[in-house]
Amino acid sequence: MTVRREKEDKLVGWLRHQEDDLAMAAASHLKPSTIIRVAQGALRRDDKLMAAAIANPQSLLHCLLDAARLGHEPGTDQYWLIPFGDEVTGIEGYKGIIERMYRAGGVSSVHVQVVREHDFYRSMGDRTPPVHEYDDFADAADRGPLRGVYAYAIMTSGACSQVIRVGRAEIMRHKAMSRGSGRSDSPWKAWEEAMWKKTPLRALEPYVPTSSEWLIARAQAAAQSRITAPGWAPPVTAAAAPLQLVASEVTGPADTPDASPAQPPAASPGADVAAPAPPPVPQGAGEALPPLPGEEEDPAPAAQATPPPAAGAAPGDAPGSERHRKLIGVVQGHFKRLGYTDDEREQRLAAAAVIAGVSGVASLNDMTPEELSAVADTLSRQRDRDKLTALLVAQEEARHGE
C-alpha cells in the first residue's frame, strides 16, 4: 500500500469519527453516514480535492458541517467542494438554494434566468414577473453576451414574490470579491451562467421561506388556531363514541380512536339536569395564521389582533440548547477562520448580520437558530476581513441606489 493510499484511508477513518458532530448540525432529512459516504466519493474522484483534504482535514470538516446544516449532500451541484491550495472550500450552488426554497414548503415554483444582449426583456414591476422572450433553440453566442439575471418565486397562494433583478456591473462586483475567480478552474469560468443565477437567488432568500422550521411553525399555529377557535367542535359521526381531537406537535389535530373520552353518568329519571356551561373562550382564539412571504395584504387596522407565537416550539431551538450552541460554534469558527479576535468578532457581527438580512443583533446568544444559520451561511462565502467589509459597502450602495 502506497503512502498516499495510507493517508487517504486515514482521512476517511477520521471522518467516520465525526458523525456525532455532523448529526448535531445536519438537517433532519439528511443522515451523517450519507454525508460522509458522498464526500468520500467526491474525494476519490478529484486528486486535487483529496490532496487539499489530506493537508487540511479541518477545512473539509468545516465544509461538511456547513453542507449538513443547509441540508445538502457535499460534492454535488447543490454544494460544491472546491480545492484552493491546501484548503477545501464549500460553495452552495444555485440549485441548492432553490432546493431549500422548495423544501421549506412556502413556494410552488422558483424562476431564475439570465438575460442576453439580443433577448427581449421588459420589467413589469417589483411584484410581477418580467416579460422575457428569446429563441429557446439559439446558441448562447447568437443570443449575445450576458446582460443581467433575474429571479422570483410563486408562492403557494399564487402571489408573486419580490422580483430580484441584477445587472452585469453588480455581477462583476460579486465576481471580483469571489476567491479565485480569475483561476482557470474557477466556477466563474467553468459554470458562468450558474454563478450569475446564484447572485439574485441569494438576494431572493429574505423574501421566501428557506427553512423547514417555518413549515413546522405554520402547521403548529394552524393546529392551535383550530383547537381554540370559539364555536369550533370536532366532526360528529355515527360512531357510538364521540371523536376526540388531539393536537400533534407537528401535523396538527388528528382523530385517535383509542383515546375516547369517558361517557358521563346517565341522569336518573325525573332529575333536574342543568344545561352545561359554555366553554370559556381562550385568549388569542380565532387569531389569523401568519401569512406566507409574498402573501402580505394591505396593512390592517390598528385594532386587528396580531398572530400568536407558534405553540410547541422545538426544544432543540431554544437558547442554550445543544443545536443553538452548535450553531454559535459554527459562526465563531467562521470568524476565527477570517482572522478575527474575540473582541473584533463582536464588532463585526452586526456587519455580517446586515449582509445576511438579520437586523437588531446584540450578541450571538440573542440570535435565533435561523438567524445564526443565515450569518454562518454569509460568512462561509467570505475569505478575509477586507472582502467582508467590501461586501457590506457594496450592499449599502446597491440599497441606496434602488
Protein backbone atom coordinates (compact mmCIF):
# COMPACT_ATOMS: atom_id res chain seq x y z
CA MET A 1 0.00 0.00 0.00
CA THR A 2 1.40 3.40 -1.01
CA VAL A 3 1.92 6.29 1.38
CA ARG A 4 -0.79 8.29 -0.43
CA ARG A 5 -3.32 5.47 -0.04
CA GLU A 6 -2.50 5.18 3.65
CA LYS A 7 -3.17 8.90 4.08
CA GLU A 8 -6.48 8.59 2.20
CA ASP A 9 -7.63 5.70 4.36
CA LYS A 10 -6.59 7.57 7.49
CA LEU A 11 -8.60 10.61 6.39
CA VAL A 12 -11.72 8.51 5.70
CA GLY A 13 -11.38 6.81 9.08
CA TRP A 14 -11.06 10.19 10.77
CA LEU A 15 -14.20 11.43 9.00
CA ARG A 16 -16.21 8.49 10.28
CA HIS A 17 -15.41 9.58 13.82
CA GLN A 18 -17.07 12.95 13.15
CA GLU A 19 -20.59 11.51 12.74
CA ASP A 20 -21.75 12.86 16.11
CA ASP A 21 -20.78 16.43 15.19
CA LEU A 22 -22.42 16.08 11.78
CA ALA A 23 -25.57 14.68 13.37
CA MET A 24 -25.96 17.76 15.57
CA ALA A 25 -25.62 20.14 12.61
CA ALA A 26 -27.43 18.12 9.91
CA ALA A 27 -30.94 18.86 8.69
CA SER A 28 -33.50 16.27 9.78
CA HIS A 29 -33.77 14.63 6.35
CA LEU A 30 -30.02 14.03 5.99
CA LYS A 31 -28.08 11.17 7.64
CA PRO A 32 -24.49 11.81 8.79
CA SER A 33 -23.39 8.49 7.27
CA THR A 34 -24.74 9.65 3.89
CA ILE A 35 -22.79 12.90 4.13
CA ILE A 36 -19.56 11.03 4.79
CA ARG A 37 -20.09 8.48 2.01
CA VAL A 38 -20.94 11.12 -0.60
CA ALA A 39 -17.94 13.22 0.48
CA GLN A 40 -15.70 10.17 0.27
CA GLY A 41 -16.83 9.59 -3.32
CA ALA A 42 -16.10 13.22 -4.22
CA LEU A 43 -12.62 12.96 -2.72
CA ARG A 44 -11.85 9.76 -4.65
CA ARG A 45 -12.87 11.39 -7.94
CA ASP A 46 -10.70 14.51 -7.57
CA ASP A 47 -6.99 14.17 -6.79
CA LYS A 48 -6.60 17.89 -6.04
CA LEU A 49 -9.54 17.80 -3.65
CA MET A 50 -8.14 14.73 -1.91
CA ALA A 51 -4.72 16.37 -1.56
CA ALA A 52 -6.26 19.51 -0.03
CA ALA A 53 -8.34 17.42 2.38
CA ILE A 54 -5.31 15.40 3.48
CA ALA A 55 -3.31 18.60 4.02
CA ASN A 56 -6.12 20.35 5.90
CA PRO A 57 -8.80 17.91 7.15
CA GLN A 58 -10.37 20.56 9.40
CA SER A 59 -11.27 22.65 6.34
CA LEU A 60 -13.03 19.61 4.87
CA LEU A 61 -14.94 19.02 8.13
CA HIS A 62 -16.00 22.66 8.20
CA CYS A 63 -17.44 22.30 4.67
CA LEU A 64 -19.28 19.10 5.60
CA LEU A 65 -20.81 20.77 8.68
CA ASP A 66 -21.91 23.69 6.54
CA ALA A 67 -23.44 21.40 3.91
CA ALA A 68 -25.16 19.36 6.63
CA ARG A 69 -26.66 22.48 8.19
CA LEU A 70 -28.05 23.56 4.80
CA GLY A 71 -29.38 20.05 4.15
CA HIS A 72 -27.19 19.30 1.09
CA GLU A 73 -25.02 16.37 0.09
CA PRO A 74 -21.46 17.71 -0.32
CA GLY A 75 -19.64 17.28 -3.61
CA THR A 76 -22.81 17.67 -5.70
CA ASP A 77 -24.23 20.53 -7.79
CA GLN A 78 -26.16 21.58 -4.68
CA TYR A 79 -22.98 22.06 -2.66
CA TRP A 80 -19.58 22.07 -4.37
CA LEU A 81 -16.32 21.10 -2.69
CA ILE A 82 -13.54 23.19 -4.27
CA PRO A 83 -9.80 22.82 -3.53
CA PHE A 84 -7.87 26.05 -3.02
CA GLY A 85 -4.26 25.07 -2.47
CA ASP A 86 -4.08 23.23 0.85
CA GLU A 87 -7.65 24.09 1.83
CA VAL A 88 -11.10 22.74 0.94
CA THR A 89 -13.80 25.35 0.34
CA GLY A 90 -17.53 24.67 0.24
CA ILE A 91 -19.79 26.63 -2.13
CA GLU A 92 -23.57 26.26 -2.22
CA GLY A 93 -24.74 26.10 -5.83
CA TYR A 94 -27.82 27.89 -7.16
CA LYS A 95 -29.63 24.55 -7.34
CA GLY A 96 -29.01 24.12 -3.62
CA ILE A 97 -30.63 27.49 -2.88
CA ILE A 98 -33.68 26.56 -4.99
CA GLU A 99 -33.89 23.17 -3.28
CA ARG A 100 -34.00 24.85 0.16
CA MET A 101 -36.83 27.12 -1.00
CA TYR A 102 -38.88 24.15 -2.19
CA ARG A 103 -38.08 22.17 0.95
CA ALA A 104 -39.49 24.92 3.17
CA GLY A 105 -42.91 24.39 1.56
CA GLY A 106 -43.86 28.03 1.01
CA VAL A 107 -43.34 28.27 -2.76
CA SER A 108 -44.90 26.43 -5.67
CA SER A 109 -42.22 27.41 -8.20
CA VAL A 110 -38.90 29.27 -8.38
CA HIS A 111 -37.77 31.04 -11.54
CA VAL A 112 -34.27 32.28 -12.35
CA GLN A 113 -32.98 33.16 -15.81
CA VAL A 114 -30.14 35.07 -17.44
CA VAL A 115 -30.83 37.82 -19.97
CA ARG A 116 -28.58 38.13 -23.03
CA GLU A 117 -27.93 41.06 -25.35
CA HIS A 118 -30.39 40.07 -28.12
CA ASP A 119 -33.21 38.88 -25.81
CA PHE A 120 -36.39 40.91 -25.44
CA TYR A 121 -36.77 41.89 -21.79
CA ARG A 122 -39.22 44.24 -20.09
CA SER A 123 -39.68 44.76 -16.37
CA MET A 124 -43.29 44.69 -15.11
CA GLY A 125 -42.67 45.93 -11.56
CA ASP A 126 -41.41 44.56 -8.27
CA ARG A 127 -44.26 42.05 -7.74
CA THR A 128 -44.96 40.92 -11.31
CA PRO A 129 -42.81 38.51 -13.38
CA PRO A 130 -40.95 40.29 -16.20
CA VAL A 131 -41.60 39.68 -19.89
CA HIS A 132 -38.61 37.76 -21.29
CA GLU A 133 -38.63 36.38 -24.82
CA TYR A 134 -35.81 34.62 -26.65
CA ASP A 135 -35.19 31.76 -29.05
CA ASP A 136 -35.07 28.56 -26.99
CA PHE A 137 -33.02 26.82 -29.67
CA ALA A 138 -30.47 29.59 -30.30
CA ASP A 139 -26.87 29.19 -29.20
CA ALA A 140 -25.60 31.43 -26.42
CA ALA A 141 -23.37 33.18 -28.96
CA ASP A 142 -26.40 34.01 -31.15
CA ARG A 143 -28.27 35.46 -28.17
CA GLY A 144 -25.30 37.66 -27.34
CA PRO A 145 -23.27 38.31 -24.19
CA LEU A 146 -24.85 38.23 -20.75
CA ARG A 147 -26.59 41.46 -19.71
CA GLY A 148 -28.24 40.55 -16.42
CA VAL A 149 -30.21 37.98 -14.48
CA TYR A 150 -33.49 37.91 -12.54
CA ALA A 151 -35.20 35.63 -10.03
CA TYR A 152 -38.61 35.37 -8.39
CA ALA A 153 -40.84 32.77 -6.74
CA ILE A 154 -44.54 31.99 -6.99
CA MET A 155 -45.94 31.39 -3.52
CA THR A 156 -48.35 28.56 -2.69
CA SER A 157 -51.08 31.22 -2.55
CA GLY A 158 -50.39 32.16 -6.18
CA ALA A 159 -48.84 35.52 -5.30
CA CYS A 160 -45.51 36.56 -6.81
CA SER A 161 -42.60 37.31 -4.51
CA GLN A 162 -40.30 40.28 -4.89
CA VAL A 163 -38.65 40.17 -8.32
CA ILE A 164 -34.88 40.43 -7.99
CA ARG A 165 -33.01 41.96 -10.95
CA VAL A 166 -29.21 42.14 -11.10
CA GLY A 167 -27.21 43.78 -13.90
CA ARG A 168 -23.77 42.95 -15.25
CA ALA A 169 -21.99 45.64 -13.22
CA GLU A 170 -23.20 44.23 -9.89
CA ILE A 171 -22.43 40.66 -11.00
CA MET A 172 -18.88 41.73 -11.78
CA ARG A 173 -18.52 43.23 -8.30
CA HIS A 174 -19.57 39.90 -6.76
CA LYS A 175 -17.16 38.07 -9.04
CA ALA A 176 -14.28 40.37 -8.07
CA MET A 177 -14.87 39.54 -4.39
CA SER A 178 -15.04 35.80 -5.03
CA ARG A 179 -11.90 33.93 -4.09
CA GLY A 180 -10.01 32.51 -7.04
CA SER A 181 -12.46 33.87 -9.62
CA GLY A 182 -9.59 34.52 -12.02
CA ARG A 183 -8.28 30.95 -11.95
CA SER A 184 -8.72 28.74 -14.99
CA ASP A 185 -10.62 26.15 -12.94
CA SER A 186 -12.80 28.71 -11.14
CA PRO A 187 -16.58 28.07 -11.12
CA TRP A 188 -16.93 31.56 -12.63
CA LYS A 189 -15.18 30.26 -15.75
CA ALA A 190 -16.45 26.67 -15.80
CA TRP A 191 -20.11 27.46 -14.94
CA GLU A 192 -20.57 31.15 -15.69
CA GLU A 193 -24.38 31.10 -16.07
CA ALA A 194 -24.76 29.11 -12.85
CA MET A 195 -22.73 31.67 -10.91
CA TRP A 196 -24.79 34.51 -12.40
CA LYS A 197 -28.02 32.78 -11.34
CA LYS A 198 -26.77 32.30 -7.79
CA THR A 199 -26.47 36.06 -7.15
CA PRO A 200 -30.19 37.03 -7.46
CA LEU A 201 -31.24 33.84 -5.67
CA ARG A 202 -29.19 34.94 -2.66
CA ALA A 203 -31.00 38.29 -2.74
CA LEU A 204 -34.36 36.48 -3.05
CA GLU A 205 -33.86 34.45 0.14
CA PRO A 206 -35.18 37.14 2.57
CA TYR A 207 -38.48 37.23 0.63
CA VAL A 208 -39.31 33.49 0.70
CA PRO A 209 -39.08 30.72 3.32
CA THR A 210 -35.85 28.72 3.09
CA SER A 211 -36.15 26.60 6.23
CA SER A 212 -38.48 23.70 7.06
CA GLU A 213 -38.76 25.21 10.56
CA TRP A 214 -41.10 27.80 9.01
CA LEU A 215 -43.38 25.00 7.75
CA ILE A 216 -43.45 23.32 11.17
CA ALA A 217 -44.30 26.61 12.91
CA ARG A 218 -47.10 27.29 10.45
CA ALA A 219 -48.60 23.81 10.97
CA GLN A 220 -48.45 24.25 14.74
CA ALA A 221 -50.12 27.67 14.52
CA ALA A 222 -52.86 26.19 12.30
CA ALA A 223 -53.47 23.34 14.75
CA GLN A 224 -53.62 25.68 17.74
CA SER A 225 -56.00 28.04 15.93
CA ARG A 226 -58.43 25.25 15.04
CA ILE A 227 -58.43 23.83 18.58
CA THR A 228 -59.02 27.14 20.38
CA ALA A 229 -61.32 28.87 17.89
CA PRO A 230 -64.66 29.80 19.57
CA GLY A 231 -67.60 27.74 18.38
CA TRP A 232 -65.36 25.06 16.86
CA ALA A 233 -66.20 21.41 17.54
CA PRO A 234 -64.82 18.13 16.19
CA PRO A 235 -66.92 16.49 13.45
CA VAL A 236 -69.70 14.16 14.68
CA THR A 237 -70.08 10.75 13.09
CA ALA A 238 -72.47 7.84 13.58
CA ALA A 239 -69.97 6.06 15.82
CA ALA A 240 -71.09 5.21 19.35
CA ALA A 241 -68.23 7.09 20.99
CA PRO A 242 -67.60 10.74 20.09
CA LEU A 243 -64.33 11.60 18.38
CA GLN A 244 -61.63 13.33 20.38
CA LEU A 245 -59.24 15.86 18.83
CA VAL A 246 -55.58 15.53 19.71
CA ALA A 247 -53.06 18.17 18.71
CA SER A 248 -49.92 16.67 17.25
CA GLU A 249 -46.72 18.65 17.81
CA VAL A 250 -46.14 19.00 14.09
CA THR A 251 -49.06 17.84 11.99
CA GLY A 252 -51.94 19.34 13.98
CA PRO A 253 -55.22 17.70 15.01
CA ALA A 254 -55.80 14.01 14.41
CA ASP A 255 -58.55 11.58 15.40
CA THR A 256 -57.43 8.99 17.94
CA PRO A 257 -59.88 6.08 18.13
CA ASP A 258 -58.01 4.52 21.06
CA ALA A 259 -58.44 7.56 23.28
CA SER A 260 -62.23 8.01 23.56
CA PRO A 261 -63.32 10.28 26.44
CA ALA A 262 -65.21 8.71 29.34
CA GLN A 263 -69.02 8.84 28.99
CA PRO A 264 -70.86 10.95 31.59
CA PRO A 265 -73.11 9.01 34.01
CA ALA A 266 -76.73 8.75 32.94
CA ALA A 267 -79.16 11.02 34.79
CA SER A 268 -81.85 9.42 36.92
CA PRO A 269 -85.45 9.73 35.70
CA GLY A 270 -87.06 13.00 36.68
CA ALA A 271 -83.84 14.54 37.90
CA ASP A 272 -83.14 18.12 37.04
CA VAL A 273 -80.38 18.30 34.50
CA ALA A 274 -78.53 21.59 34.38
CA ALA A 275 -77.51 22.85 30.98
CA PRO A 276 -73.73 22.67 30.56
CA ALA A 277 -71.95 25.97 30.87
CA PRO A 278 -70.44 27.29 27.64
CA PRO A 279 -66.68 26.73 27.49
CA PRO A 280 -64.52 29.79 28.20
CA VAL A 281 -63.03 31.45 25.17
CA PRO A 282 -59.25 31.02 25.32
CA GLN A 283 -57.18 34.14 24.98
CA GLY A 284 -55.93 34.61 21.43
CA ALA A 285 -58.70 32.39 19.97
CA GLY A 286 -59.62 33.00 16.37
CA GLU A 287 -56.49 34.95 15.50
CA ALA A 288 -55.19 34.80 11.97
CA LEU A 289 -52.42 32.47 10.85
CA PRO A 290 -49.06 34.02 9.99
CA PRO A 291 -49.05 34.91 6.27
CA LEU A 292 -46.67 33.45 3.75
CA PRO A 293 -43.93 35.78 2.48
CA GLY A 294 -45.32 37.31 -0.67
CA GLU A 295 -48.94 37.00 0.59
CA GLU A 296 -48.88 40.24 2.56
CA GLU A 297 -52.08 42.23 2.18
CA ASP A 298 -52.79 45.90 2.80
CA PRO A 299 -52.00 47.00 6.36
CA ALA A 300 -54.80 46.03 8.73
CA PRO A 301 -56.46 48.47 11.17
CA ALA A 302 -54.61 49.02 14.40
CA ALA A 303 -57.26 47.15 16.38
CA GLN A 304 -56.70 43.90 14.46
CA ALA A 305 -55.15 41.18 16.60
CA THR A 306 -51.63 40.04 15.80
CA PRO A 307 -50.91 36.32 15.28
CA PRO A 308 -49.93 34.39 18.40
CA PRO A 309 -46.49 32.79 18.58
CA ALA A 310 -46.44 29.19 17.36
CA ALA A 311 -47.09 26.73 20.17
CA GLY A 312 -44.79 23.83 20.89
CA ALA A 313 -41.54 25.24 19.57
CA ALA A 314 -38.91 22.58 19.21
CA PRO A 315 -36.80 22.30 22.42
CA GLY A 316 -33.65 21.99 20.31
CA ASP A 317 -34.15 25.57 19.04
CA ALA A 318 -34.22 27.19 22.49
CA PRO A 319 -31.27 29.38 23.59
CA GLY A 320 -28.75 27.22 25.37
CA SER A 321 -29.86 24.05 23.59
CA GLU A 322 -27.31 21.75 22.00
CA ARG A 323 -28.27 22.83 18.48
CA HIS A 324 -28.18 26.51 19.43
CA ARG A 325 -24.70 26.15 20.93
CA LYS A 326 -23.52 24.21 17.88
CA LEU A 327 -24.64 26.97 15.51
CA ILE A 328 -22.91 29.56 17.68
CA GLY A 329 -19.74 27.46 17.38
CA VAL A 330 -20.09 27.38 13.58
CA VAL A 331 -20.35 31.20 13.45
CA GLN A 332 -17.39 31.61 15.81
CA GLY A 333 -15.39 29.17 13.68
CA HIS A 334 -16.03 31.31 10.61
CA PHE A 335 -14.84 34.44 12.43
CA LYS A 336 -11.65 32.69 13.56
CA ARG A 337 -11.03 31.43 10.02
CA LEU A 338 -11.33 35.02 8.79
CA GLY A 339 -8.68 36.09 11.31
CA TYR A 340 -10.85 37.95 13.84
CA THR A 341 -10.01 38.09 17.51
CA ASP A 342 -12.75 37.63 20.11
CA ASP A 343 -13.07 41.41 20.54
CA GLU A 344 -13.26 42.02 16.81
CA ARG A 345 -15.90 39.33 16.43
CA GLU A 346 -18.50 41.33 18.36
CA GLN A 347 -17.62 44.42 16.34
CA ARG A 348 -18.06 42.58 13.02
CA LEU A 349 -21.13 40.55 13.99
CA ALA A 350 -23.56 43.35 13.20
CA ALA A 351 -22.00 43.89 9.76
CA ALA A 352 -22.22 40.19 8.91
CA ALA A 353 -25.82 40.08 10.18
CA VAL A 354 -26.85 43.01 7.95
CA ILE A 355 -25.49 41.21 4.89
CA ALA A 356 -27.38 38.07 5.95
CA GLY A 357 -30.65 40.02 6.28
CA VAL A 358 -30.69 39.96 10.10
CA SER A 359 -31.17 43.25 11.96
CA GLY A 360 -31.03 44.32 15.59
CA VAL A 361 -28.28 41.87 16.57
CA ALA A 362 -26.77 42.34 20.03
CA SER A 363 -24.81 39.11 20.51
CA LEU A 364 -24.63 35.54 19.27
CA ASN A 365 -26.56 34.28 22.30
CA ASP A 366 -29.51 36.57 21.48
CA MET A 367 -29.88 35.21 17.93
CA THR A 368 -32.33 32.50 16.90
CA PRO A 369 -31.12 29.34 15.13
CA GLU A 370 -32.41 30.65 11.79
CA GLU A 371 -30.53 33.94 12.27
CA LEU A 372 -27.36 32.08 13.27
CA SER A 373 -27.71 29.87 10.17
CA ALA A 374 -28.11 32.94 7.93
CA VAL A 375 -25.00 34.61 9.39
CA ALA A 376 -22.96 31.39 9.17
CA ASP A 377 -24.03 30.94 5.54
CA THR A 378 -22.94 34.51 4.73
CA LEU A 379 -19.58 34.16 6.49
CA SER A 380 -18.88 30.84 4.79
CA ARG A 381 -18.62 32.67 1.47
CA GLN A 382 -16.03 35.17 2.74
CA ARG A 383 -12.30 34.65 2.91
CA ASP A 384 -10.85 37.76 4.62
CA ARG A 385 -11.88 40.87 6.50
CA ASP A 386 -11.29 43.27 3.63
CA LYS A 387 -13.64 41.38 1.37
CA LEU A 388 -16.29 41.20 4.10
CA THR A 389 -16.09 44.98 4.50
CA ALA A 390 -16.22 45.46 0.73
CA LEU A 391 -19.32 43.27 0.52
CA LEU A 392 -21.05 45.33 3.20
CA VAL A 393 -20.23 48.58 1.36
CA ALA A 394 -21.45 47.12 -1.95
CA GLN A 395 -24.72 46.03 -0.33
CA GLU A 396 -25.28 49.50 1.14
CA GLU A 397 -24.54 51.21 -2.19
CA ALA A 398 -26.91 48.87 -4.02
CA ARG A 399 -29.66 49.54 -1.49
CA HIS A 400 -29.27 53.34 -1.67
CA GLY A 401 -29.19 53.18 -5.46
CA GLU A 402 -32.58 51.41 -5.74
